[in-house]
Amino acid sequence: MNIADNLKAAAFHFPDHLALIDENRQLTYRQLDTKADQIAGLLTQLGVLPRDHVAICLPNSCSWIAYYFGILKIGAVAVTLPHSMTKSELAPVLEDCKPKILFTDTTKSSDIGEKSFISHIITEPFDQAYSTLISNSCDVFNTVDREPEDTAAILYTGGTTGVPKGVMLSHWNIIASAFNVAHNERSIHTDRALCFLPLNHVFAQVHIMNSTVLSGGGLVLQSSFNMTAFLDAITEFDVTKLYSVPTVYTRLLSLEGLKEKLKPVRYCFSAAASMARELVREWKKRTGLNIFEAYGMTESASMVTYNHYYSHVVGSVGTSVNGVEIQIRDKKGNVLGENQKGEICISGPNIMKGYLNRPEETKMSFWGRWFRSGDVGIIDDRSYLYIVDRIKELIITGGENVAPREVEEVLYERHEVEECAVIGLPDKEYGERVVAYIVPRQGQNIDPAELKAYLKIHLSPFKVPKEFIAVSNLPKSSSGKLLKRTLKEQVLNDAAHRR
């Protein structure tokens, strides 16, 4: 078994089909497979062996994907690192994974310096030595077979809960998830997906890239989100599938003539955080399209549940996908029944092997074969899962638990709210006080008294924020995920400086 076999199959069945489009070039499946074979040949000549770590630290491009599959073809492990990492962030991660080879660009190579474990730092365009090795390598490379449980890729978590951890995903983990995505989304070879989210992230790498290659579809790559480039690509390349995050869908809803701008699109998917119900309903009203959602994380190689193609339930993240089981458990590990709130636990072929070099943390993350997600949810009588909140984001105010997500859902019902984040801040009287940070829609103002009166109609008094603060933006990760911990740290640091 080897994930790279999916690329070989796509090149066999659809050799002249356009596989990748980036800002500089286009590659058919035949060309992409050949380029990956050449990279495999290059790495072999550089002494890379099966199980060796080879890292990629680059923005999205056709080359990124060729490197990824070239690494896998020789049975090595692809370590995919965020290009956005600073020098100080990158150093401990490299020490942790110790790659033998690193693919990067000149902007990053100067930050890395000499590492005893890195034998070659390769940047494009290749220098003469690497170009010669490429020309000497054959254009057809026989993929090295691996065991299903062998590590295929190591993805580092976003670091929203501390120092990033390397999540080890096996060939079977990734293939199982890619199949579930392609199956549930009814993906076909004529689809074209747009991806601006970073390929080091599990959503872009497994959910988008690997499922697209598996189904023989085309992938339009952008290095970051730019509204003009995003909309132009939809029209120019007849994009049929949009993959995005809630903040981008919110921005798109501010545009006039949205339905016409999305004319070729047949499918929309949102990741990183649950969509507010009101935004999903407004999108459907404006475009005629559903926004589909799933539930997953790096440790689950993306998809755990899917909110169905034909039985879509607004507000839910769907039911478990093929081969994957979910349970709701209490703090002691007891399994709870329908509509009871507790920790979401997952078992299936998609669940990670463990955290690199962290056996104790790996052990603590499981109850037997069940992975502890750290997320709070409920399962209804139809087996649909609803995300309530992150356990670590619960606010305890005056002895009462407040789920920020519940408060945010009500705030999103208000027309003046474009984005919001509810956090708990230290309070002498209550322990923590509930505070809402809000990005207003263009041309709108935030009236705290009016918002407080509205929320009191829909929420228990202790859940209503004590403060409503208007801001121009909210901190987010490179994948578009709202960083509440970062927001809280910024607020507390600002308060400390004012003292």
Protein backbone atom coordinates (compact mmCIF):
# COMPACT_ATOMS: atom_id res chain seq x y z
CA MET A 1 0.00 0.00 0.00
CA ASN A 2 1.21 3.51 -0.82
CA ILE A 3 -0.74 6.76 -1.17
CA ALA A 4 1.36 7.53 -4.25
CA ASP A 5 -0.47 4.70 -6.06
CA ASN A 6 -3.47 7.04 -6.27
CA LEU A 7 -1.43 9.46 -8.38
CA LYS A 8 -0.16 6.61 -10.58
CA ALA A 9 -3.76 5.45 -11.12
CA ALA A 10 -4.94 8.96 -12.03
CA ALA A 11 -2.06 9.30 -14.50
CA PHE A 12 -3.04 5.96 -16.07
CA HIS A 13 -6.77 6.71 -16.39
CA PHE A 14 -6.59 10.47 -17.08
CA PRO A 15 -3.07 11.15 -18.46
CA ASP A 16 -3.98 14.34 -20.33
CA HIS A 17 -6.45 15.63 -17.77
CA LEU A 18 -5.38 18.90 -16.10
CA ALA A 19 -4.32 17.92 -12.59
CA LEU A 20 -2.85 21.13 -11.14
CA ILE A 21 -3.03 24.84 -11.85
CA ASP A 22 -1.01 27.36 -9.86
CA GLU A 23 0.05 30.95 -10.43
CA ASN A 24 2.96 29.95 -12.67
CA ARG A 25 2.14 26.68 -14.44
CA GLN A 26 -0.27 23.89 -15.24
CA LEU A 27 0.40 20.15 -15.09
CA THR A 28 -1.53 17.20 -16.49
CA TYR A 29 -1.65 13.99 -14.49
CA ARG A 30 1.01 12.45 -16.75
CA GLN A 31 3.29 15.44 -16.16
CA LEU A 32 2.67 15.48 -12.41
CA ASP A 33 3.39 11.77 -12.07
CA THR A 34 6.59 12.14 -14.14
CA LYS A 35 7.75 15.06 -11.99
CA ALA A 36 7.06 13.05 -8.82
CA ASP A 37 9.03 10.12 -10.28
CA GLN A 38 11.96 12.45 -10.97
CA ILE A 39 11.86 13.73 -7.38
CA ALA A 40 11.82 10.12 -6.15
CA GLY A 41 14.88 9.42 -8.31
CA LEU A 42 16.64 12.53 -6.97
CA LEU A 43 15.99 11.55 -3.35
CA THR A 44 17.20 8.01 -3.97
CA GLN A 45 20.48 9.35 -5.38
CA LEU A 46 20.82 11.56 -2.29
CA GLY A 47 20.66 8.47 -0.09
CA VAL A 48 17.11 8.77 1.25
CA LEU A 49 15.74 5.44 2.46
CA PRO A 50 12.26 4.20 3.37
CA ARG A 51 11.12 5.65 6.74
CA ASP A 52 13.54 8.60 6.47
CA HIS A 53 11.93 11.99 7.12
CA VAL A 54 11.86 14.50 4.25
CA ALA A 55 10.35 17.91 5.00
CA ILE A 56 8.47 20.40 2.83
CA CYS A 57 8.29 24.03 3.97
CA LEU A 58 6.82 25.92 1.03
CA PRO A 59 3.72 27.84 0.01
CA ASN A 60 1.12 26.10 -2.18
CA SER A 61 2.37 25.22 -5.67
CA CYS A 62 2.51 22.42 -8.23
CA SER A 63 6.03 21.67 -6.97
CA TRP A 64 4.80 21.17 -3.40
CA ILE A 65 2.56 18.33 -4.54
CA ALA A 66 5.25 16.80 -6.78
CA TYR A 67 7.66 16.78 -3.81
CA TYR A 68 5.01 15.20 -1.58
CA PHE A 69 4.30 12.30 -3.91
CA GLY A 70 8.00 11.92 -4.79
CA ILE A 71 8.79 11.46 -1.10
CA LEU A 72 6.01 8.89 -0.70
CA LYS A 73 7.05 6.97 -3.83
CA ILE A 74 10.35 5.97 -2.22
CA GLY A 75 8.66 4.95 1.03
CA ALA A 76 9.95 7.94 2.98
CA VAL A 77 7.86 10.09 5.32
CA ALA A 78 6.63 13.51 4.18
CA VAL A 79 6.92 16.04 7.01
CA THR A 80 4.79 19.02 5.99
CA LEU A 81 5.62 22.28 7.75
CA PRO A 82 3.82 25.63 7.69
CA HIS A 83 5.66 28.11 5.48
CA SER A 84 4.37 30.83 7.80
CA MET A 85 6.55 29.60 10.69
CA THR A 86 9.10 32.08 11.98
CA LYS A 87 12.74 31.15 12.54
CA SER A 88 12.15 30.63 16.26
CA GLU A 89 9.03 28.53 15.63
CA LEU A 90 10.69 26.39 12.98
CA ALA A 91 13.82 25.49 14.97
CA PRO A 92 12.21 23.27 17.65
CA VAL A 93 10.00 21.56 15.07
CA LEU A 94 13.00 20.62 12.92
CA GLU A 95 14.78 19.31 16.02
CA ASP A 96 11.71 17.21 16.75
CA CYS A 97 11.29 15.60 13.31
CA LYS A 98 14.94 15.68 12.15
CA PRO A 99 14.42 15.58 8.38
CA LYS A 100 17.22 14.21 6.21
CA ILE A 101 16.23 16.50 3.30
CA LEU A 102 14.34 19.79 3.35
CA PHE A 103 12.51 21.32 0.38
CA THR A 104 12.06 25.05 0.96
CA ASP A 105 12.67 28.43 -0.64
CA THR A 106 15.43 31.00 -0.27
CA THR A 107 13.40 33.07 2.20
CA LYS A 108 13.35 30.16 4.64
CA SER A 109 16.70 28.49 3.91
CA SER A 110 18.58 31.42 5.41
CA ASP A 111 16.59 31.02 8.64
CA ILE A 112 17.44 27.34 9.05
CA GLY A 113 21.22 27.39 9.12
CA GLU A 114 23.27 24.24 9.41
CA LYS A 115 21.67 21.24 11.09
CA SER A 116 23.65 18.05 11.55
CA PHE A 117 20.68 15.89 10.64
CA ILE A 118 19.83 17.77 7.38
CA SER A 119 22.08 16.58 4.58
CA HIS A 120 20.56 18.76 1.85
CA ILE A 121 18.40 21.89 1.76
CA ILE A 122 16.87 22.03 -1.71
CA THR A 123 15.40 25.21 -3.14
CA GLU A 124 13.90 26.02 -6.53
CA PRO A 125 15.20 26.67 -9.09
CA PHE A 126 17.51 23.68 -8.52
CA ASP A 127 21.21 24.43 -8.64
CA GLN A 128 23.37 22.64 -11.21
CA ALA A 129 24.16 19.66 -8.99
CA TYR A 130 20.50 18.82 -8.32
CA SER A 131 19.54 19.54 -11.92
CA THR A 132 22.17 17.01 -13.06
CA LEU A 133 20.85 14.40 -10.65
CA ILE A 134 17.30 15.02 -11.91
CA SER A 135 18.43 14.60 -15.53
CA ASN A 136 20.19 11.36 -14.58
CA SER A 137 17.10 9.93 -12.87
CA CYS A 138 14.58 7.96 -14.91
CA ASP A 139 11.12 9.34 -15.70
CA VAL A 140 9.45 6.19 -14.36
CA PHE A 141 9.95 5.15 -10.75
CA ASN A 142 8.52 1.96 -9.27
CA THR A 143 6.70 2.97 -6.11
CA VAL A 144 7.99 1.31 -2.94
CA ASP A 145 5.28 -0.76 -1.28
CA ARG A 146 4.57 0.02 2.38
CA GLU A 147 2.58 -1.63 5.13
CA PRO A 148 -0.80 0.05 5.76
CA GLU A 149 0.26 1.09 9.27
CA ASP A 150 3.60 2.61 8.16
CA THR A 151 3.86 6.37 8.63
CA ALA A 152 3.22 8.28 5.43
CA ALA A 153 3.15 11.88 6.65
CA ILE A 154 3.77 13.93 9.77
CA LEU A 155 1.63 17.03 10.15
CA TYR A 156 2.19 19.50 12.95
CA THR A 157 -0.81 20.75 14.83
CA GLY A 158 -1.45 24.48 14.64
CA GLY A 159 -0.07 25.16 18.09
CA THR A 160 -3.30 26.72 19.37
CA THR A 161 -2.92 24.69 22.59
CA GLY A 162 0.84 25.01 23.06
CA VAL A 163 3.99 23.79 21.30
CA PRO A 164 3.06 22.06 18.00
CA LYS A 165 2.93 18.27 18.08
CA GLY A 166 3.84 16.05 15.15
CA VAL A 167 0.85 13.89 14.23
CA MET A 168 1.90 10.64 12.57
CA LEU A 169 -0.57 9.57 9.88
CA SER A 170 -0.23 6.19 8.21
CA HIS A 171 -0.90 5.31 4.57
CA TRP A 172 -4.11 3.63 5.70
CA ASN A 173 -5.19 6.68 7.75
CA ILE A 174 -4.88 8.99 4.75
CA ILE A 175 -6.30 6.61 2.13
CA ALA A 176 -9.34 5.86 4.33
CA SER A 177 -10.07 9.57 4.81
CA ALA A 178 -9.44 10.52 1.16
CA PHE A 179 -11.85 7.79 0.07
CA ASN A 180 -14.52 8.96 2.52
CA VAL A 181 -14.22 12.55 1.29
CA ALA A 182 -14.41 11.58 -2.38
CA HIS A 183 -17.34 9.23 -1.75
CA ASN A 184 -19.40 11.57 0.41
CA GLU A 185 -18.83 14.59 -1.82
CA ARG A 186 -19.65 12.59 -4.98
CA SER A 187 -16.31 13.71 -6.45
CA ILE A 188 -15.65 12.92 -10.12
CA HIS A 189 -12.81 13.46 -12.60
CA THR A 190 -14.51 16.49 -14.19
CA ASP A 191 -14.55 18.40 -10.90
CA ARG A 192 -12.20 21.29 -10.32
CA ALA A 193 -11.49 22.30 -6.73
CA LEU A 194 -10.12 25.63 -5.55
CA CYS A 195 -7.59 25.49 -2.68
CA PHE A 196 -6.03 28.56 -1.08
CA LEU A 197 -5.56 26.96 2.35
CA PRO A 198 -2.00 25.78 3.14
CA LEU A 199 -1.16 22.24 2.01
CA ASN A 200 0.67 21.48 5.25
CA HIS A 201 -2.71 21.57 6.98
CA VAL A 202 -4.78 18.37 7.20
CA PHE A 203 -7.80 19.96 5.53
CA ALA A 204 -5.94 21.02 2.40
CA GLN A 205 -3.58 18.03 2.31
CA VAL A 206 -5.98 15.15 2.94
CA HIS A 207 -9.50 16.45 2.49
CA ILE A 208 -8.81 18.51 -0.63
CA MET A 209 -5.57 17.36 -2.32
CA ASN A 210 -5.55 13.62 -1.67
CA SER A 211 -9.27 13.20 -2.33
CA THR A 212 -8.98 15.18 -5.58
CA VAL A 213 -6.08 13.04 -6.82
CA LEU A 214 -7.97 9.90 -5.78
CA SER A 215 -10.95 10.94 -7.93
CA GLY A 216 -8.83 12.22 -10.86
CA GLY A 217 -10.13 15.78 -10.56
CA GLY A 218 -8.32 19.07 -11.08
CA LEU A 219 -6.93 21.34 -8.39
CA VAL A 220 -6.51 25.11 -8.64
CA LEU A 221 -3.86 26.23 -6.13
CA GLN A 222 -3.47 29.68 -4.60
CA SER A 223 -0.84 30.58 -2.01
CA SER A 224 -3.29 32.59 0.12
CA PHE A 225 -6.75 34.10 0.02
CA ASN A 226 -7.22 37.13 -2.20
CA MET A 227 -10.82 38.02 -3.03
CA THR A 228 -10.13 39.19 -6.59
CA ALA A 229 -7.91 36.21 -7.45
CA PHE A 230 -10.39 33.85 -5.77
CA LEU A 231 -13.35 35.08 -7.83
CA ASP A 232 -11.30 35.31 -11.05
CA ALA A 233 -10.17 31.68 -10.67
CA ILE A 234 -13.75 30.46 -10.32
CA THR A 235 -14.67 31.95 -13.69
CA GLU A 236 -11.40 31.36 -15.56
CA PHE A 237 -10.98 27.71 -14.57
CA ASP A 238 -14.65 26.68 -14.20
CA VAL A 239 -14.26 25.78 -10.55
CA THR A 240 -16.97 23.37 -9.44
CA LYS A 241 -15.97 22.89 -5.79
CA LEU A 242 -15.26 25.61 -3.23
CA TYR A 243 -13.35 24.78 -0.06
CA SER A 244 -13.19 27.58 2.44
CA VAL A 245 -13.67 28.67 6.04
CA PRO A 246 -16.51 30.59 7.78
CA THR A 247 -14.74 33.95 7.65
CA VAL A 248 -14.40 33.81 3.85
CA TYR A 249 -18.03 32.79 3.35
CA THR A 250 -19.00 35.74 5.53
CA ARG A 251 -16.97 38.11 3.34
CA LEU A 252 -18.46 36.64 0.17
CA LEU A 253 -21.96 37.32 1.49
CA SER A 254 -21.17 41.04 1.43
CA LEU A 255 -20.82 40.98 -2.38
CA GLU A 256 -23.49 42.00 -4.86
CA GLY A 257 -24.39 39.53 -7.62
CA LEU A 258 -22.92 36.62 -5.67
CA LYS A 259 -24.92 33.91 -7.42
CA GLU A 260 -23.63 34.99 -10.84
CA LYS A 261 -20.04 35.14 -9.59
CA LEU A 262 -20.33 31.50 -8.46
CA LYS A 263 -22.03 30.26 -11.61
CA PRO A 264 -19.85 27.15 -12.27
CA VAL A 265 -19.85 26.08 -8.60
CA ARG A 266 -21.91 23.02 -7.68
CA TYR A 267 -20.54 22.31 -4.20
CA CYS A 268 -19.41 24.38 -1.20
CA PHE A 269 -17.63 23.11 1.89
CA SER A 270 -16.57 24.89 5.08
CA ALA A 271 -13.87 23.77 7.52
CA ALA A 272 -11.86 24.96 10.57
CA ALA A 273 -14.92 25.87 12.69
CA SER A 274 -18.65 25.23 12.66
CA MET A 275 -20.70 27.62 10.55
CA ALA A 276 -23.33 29.69 12.34
CA ARG A 277 -26.80 28.51 11.33
CA GLU A 278 -27.87 31.97 10.14
CA LEU A 279 -24.88 32.22 7.77
CA VAL A 280 -25.69 28.83 6.23
CA ARG A 281 -29.30 29.84 5.70
CA GLU A 282 -28.34 33.19 4.18
CA TRP A 283 -25.84 31.50 1.82
CA LYS A 284 -28.51 29.07 0.64
CA LYS A 285 -30.94 31.94 0.08
CA ARG A 286 -28.41 34.05 -1.86
CA THR A 287 -26.75 31.33 -3.96
CA GLY A 288 -29.08 28.33 -3.99
CA LEU A 289 -26.16 26.23 -2.67
CA ASN A 290 -25.75 24.45 0.63
CA ILE A 291 -22.58 24.85 2.65
CA PHE A 292 -21.60 21.33 3.62
CA GLU A 293 -19.63 20.61 6.75
CA ALA A 294 -17.78 17.74 8.34
CA TYR A 295 -16.06 17.16 11.62
CA GLY A 296 -12.42 16.22 11.83
CA MET A 297 -8.96 17.16 13.01
CA THR A 298 -5.33 16.46 12.23
CA GLU A 299 -5.37 13.40 14.49
CA SER A 300 -8.24 11.90 12.49
CA ALA A 301 -6.67 12.59 9.05
CA SER A 302 -9.63 14.95 8.49
CA MET A 303 -13.09 13.43 8.08
CA VAL A 304 -14.90 11.86 11.06
CA THR A 305 -18.47 12.85 10.27
CA TYR A 306 -20.16 14.40 7.23
CA ASN A 307 -23.28 16.55 6.97
CA HIS A 308 -24.89 14.73 4.14
CA TYR A 309 -25.09 15.49 0.46
CA TYR A 310 -28.78 14.56 0.40
CA SER A 311 -29.83 14.82 4.05
CA HIS A 312 -28.18 18.07 5.09
CA VAL A 313 -29.11 19.29 8.59
CA VAL A 314 -28.22 22.92 9.31
CA GLY A 315 -26.29 23.29 12.56
CA SER A 316 -25.00 19.71 12.63
CA VAL A 317 -21.71 18.26 11.39
CA GLY A 318 -23.47 15.11 10.25
CA THR A 319 -23.14 11.42 11.02
CA SER A 320 -20.05 9.22 11.13
CA VAL A 321 -18.49 8.27 7.79
CA ASN A 322 -17.72 4.75 6.56
CA GLY A 323 -15.71 2.69 9.03
CA VAL A 324 -15.61 5.42 11.69
CA GLU A 325 -17.37 5.22 15.07
CA ILE A 326 -18.14 8.05 17.48
CA GLN A 327 -19.22 8.04 21.10
CA ILE A 328 -20.02 10.70 23.67
CA ARG A 329 -18.37 10.08 27.05
CA ASP A 330 -18.34 11.77 30.44
CA LYS A 331 -15.22 12.82 32.33
CA LYS A 332 -14.74 9.30 33.70
CA GLY A 333 -15.01 7.67 30.28
CA ASN A 334 -18.55 6.38 30.65
CA VAL A 335 -20.54 6.24 27.40
CA LEU A 336 -23.50 8.66 27.38
CA GLY A 337 -26.84 8.35 25.60
CA GLU A 338 -28.71 10.41 23.02
CA ASN A 339 -28.72 14.19 23.48
CA GLN A 340 -26.33 14.01 26.43
CA LYS A 341 -23.41 16.40 26.40
CA GLY A 342 -19.87 15.08 26.74
CA GLU A 343 -16.48 14.53 25.10
CA ILE A 344 -16.49 13.26 21.50
CA CYS A 345 -14.47 10.06 21.20
CA ILE A 346 -13.55 8.46 17.87
CA SER A 347 -12.41 5.07 16.61
CA GLY A 348 -11.62 4.07 13.04
CA PRO A 349 -9.01 3.50 10.34
CA ASN A 350 -8.44 7.25 10.09
CA ILE A 351 -7.16 7.77 13.64
CA MET A 352 -3.46 8.68 13.91
CA LYS A 353 -0.68 6.34 14.97
CA GLY A 354 0.28 8.84 17.66
CA TYR A 355 2.32 11.96 18.36
CA LEU A 356 5.95 11.92 17.23
CA ASN A 357 8.35 11.49 20.18
CA ARG A 358 5.49 11.89 22.69
CA PRO A 359 4.46 8.46 23.95
CA GLU A 360 2.90 9.76 27.17
CA GLU A 361 0.76 12.36 25.41
CA THR A 362 -0.26 9.71 22.90
CA LYS A 363 -1.31 7.37 25.70
CA MET A 364 -3.30 10.09 27.47
CA SER A 365 -5.17 10.88 24.25
CA PHE A 366 -6.84 7.46 24.12
CA TRP A 367 -9.30 5.40 26.11
CA GLY A 368 -8.35 2.01 24.68
CA ARG A 369 -8.98 2.28 20.93
CA TRP A 370 -11.01 5.47 21.37
CA PHE A 371 -9.30 8.78 20.63
CA ARG A 372 -10.30 11.62 22.94
CA SER A 373 -10.98 14.64 20.76
CA GLY A 374 -11.12 17.31 23.45
CA ASP A 375 -14.35 18.56 21.86
CA VAL A 376 -17.76 18.67 23.51
CA GLY A 377 -20.76 17.41 21.55
CA ILE A 378 -24.08 15.62 21.55
CA ILE A 379 -25.53 12.95 19.25
CA ASP A 380 -29.26 13.18 18.54
CA ASP A 381 -31.77 10.37 17.96
CA ARG A 382 -30.86 10.23 14.25
CA SER A 383 -27.12 9.86 15.01
CA TYR A 384 -26.33 13.44 13.89
CA LEU A 385 -23.45 15.01 15.78
CA TYR A 386 -23.54 18.59 17.06
CA ILE A 387 -20.39 20.36 18.25
CA VAL A 388 -21.01 22.29 21.44
CA ASP A 389 -17.50 23.52 22.21
CA ARG A 390 -13.88 22.82 22.97
CA ILE A 391 -13.44 21.52 26.54
CA LYS A 392 -10.56 23.95 27.06
CA GLU A 393 -12.63 26.90 25.81
CA LEU A 394 -15.47 26.50 28.32
CA ILE A 395 -15.95 29.62 30.42
CA ILE A 396 -16.70 29.14 34.12
CA THR A 397 -18.43 32.24 35.43
CA GLY A 398 -19.91 32.34 38.92
CA GLY A 399 -19.78 28.53 39.02
CA GLU A 400 -21.76 28.21 35.77
CA ASN A 401 -20.33 26.71 32.56
CA VAL A 402 -20.74 28.80 29.42
CA ALA A 403 -20.05 27.35 25.97
CA PRO A 404 -18.77 30.24 23.80
CA ARG A 405 -20.22 28.58 20.71
CA GLU A 406 -23.75 28.86 22.06
CA VAL A 407 -23.40 32.62 22.63
CA GLU A 408 -21.77 33.12 19.21
CA GLU A 409 -24.65 31.35 17.46
CA VAL A 410 -27.09 33.93 18.84
CA LEU A 411 -24.78 36.83 18.00
CA TYR A 412 -24.59 35.64 14.38
CA GLU A 413 -28.36 36.10 14.14
CA ARG A 414 -27.76 39.84 14.29
CA HIS A 415 -27.34 41.60 10.93
CA GLU A 416 -24.63 43.94 12.25
CA VAL A 417 -22.30 41.08 13.25
CA GLU A 418 -19.86 39.87 10.60
CA GLU A 419 -17.56 37.88 12.90
CA CYS A 420 -17.45 37.28 16.61
CA ALA A 421 -15.46 35.48 19.29
CA VAL A 422 -16.62 34.94 22.85
CA ILE A 423 -13.94 34.39 25.50
CA GLY A 424 -13.64 34.36 29.29
CA LEU A 425 -11.52 37.01 31.02
CA PRO A 426 -10.43 37.05 34.68
CA ASP A 427 -12.97 38.61 37.03
CA LYS A 428 -12.65 39.12 40.81
CA GLU A 429 -16.33 38.52 41.44
CA TYR A 430 -17.23 35.77 38.94
CA GLY A 431 -13.87 34.07 38.36
CA GLU A 432 -14.34 34.72 34.67
CA ARG A 433 -16.58 37.17 32.87
CA VAL A 434 -18.02 36.52 29.43
CA VAL A 435 -16.79 39.01 26.80
CA ALA A 436 -17.73 39.21 23.11
CA TYR A 437 -15.34 40.63 20.50
CA ILE A 438 -17.19 41.58 17.33
CA VAL A 439 -16.17 42.58 13.81
CA PRO A 440 -19.10 44.68 12.54
CA ARG A 441 -20.42 44.41 9.00
CA GLN A 442 -19.38 47.26 6.74
CA GLY A 443 -21.42 50.37 7.49
CA GLN A 444 -22.81 48.92 10.73
CA ASN A 445 -22.19 49.90 14.35
CA ILE A 446 -22.25 47.83 17.51
CA ASP A 447 -24.72 48.93 20.19
CA PRO A 448 -23.84 46.98 23.38
CA ALA A 449 -27.14 47.78 25.11
CA GLU A 450 -29.15 46.58 22.12
CA LEU A 451 -27.12 43.38 21.79
CA LYS A 452 -27.38 42.65 25.50
CA ALA A 453 -31.15 43.08 25.41
CA TYR A 454 -31.39 40.74 22.42
CA LEU A 455 -29.22 38.03 23.98
CA LYS A 456 -31.20 38.13 27.24
CA ILE A 457 -34.23 37.01 25.27
CA HIS A 458 -32.42 33.93 23.98
CA LEU A 459 -29.91 33.00 26.71
CA SER A 460 -29.76 32.54 30.45
CA PRO A 461 -28.52 35.72 32.14
CA PHE A 462 -25.14 34.21 33.14
CA LYS A 463 -24.39 33.44 29.46
CA VAL A 464 -24.91 37.02 28.27
CA PRO A 465 -21.57 38.83 27.79
CA LYS A 466 -20.71 41.54 30.26
CA GLU A 467 -18.96 43.46 27.46
CA PHE A 468 -19.36 43.79 23.69
CA ILE A 469 -16.19 45.13 22.06
CA ALA A 470 -15.98 46.13 18.38
CA VAL A 471 -12.70 45.26 16.62
CA SER A 472 -11.50 45.49 13.02
CA ASN A 473 -10.32 41.86 12.88
CA LEU A 474 -9.80 38.72 14.93
CA PRO A 475 -6.60 36.61 15.08
CA LYS A 476 -6.62 33.49 12.89
CA SER A 477 -4.30 30.63 12.01
CA SER A 478 -2.96 30.11 8.48
CA SER A 479 -5.87 27.74 7.87
CA GLY A 480 -8.42 30.41 8.83
CA LYS A 481 -9.22 28.99 12.25
CA LEU A 482 -10.13 31.58 14.86
CA LEU A 483 -7.43 31.70 17.55
CA LYS A 484 -9.32 32.44 20.74
CA ARG A 485 -6.31 31.66 22.89
CA THR A 486 -4.27 34.24 20.97
CA LEU A 487 -7.10 36.77 21.31
CA LYS A 488 -7.22 36.19 25.05
CA GLU A 489 -3.44 36.53 25.38
CA GLN A 490 -3.51 39.80 23.41
CA VAL A 491 -6.25 41.22 25.63
CA LEU A 492 -4.48 40.22 28.83
CA ASN A 493 -1.13 41.58 27.63
CA ASP A 494 -2.72 44.90 26.66
CA ALA A 495 -4.36 45.12 30.09
CA ALA A 496 -1.03 44.40 31.81
CA HIS A 497 0.73 47.16 29.84
CA ARG A 498 -1.93 49.69 30.82
CA ARG A 499 -1.41 49.07 34.53
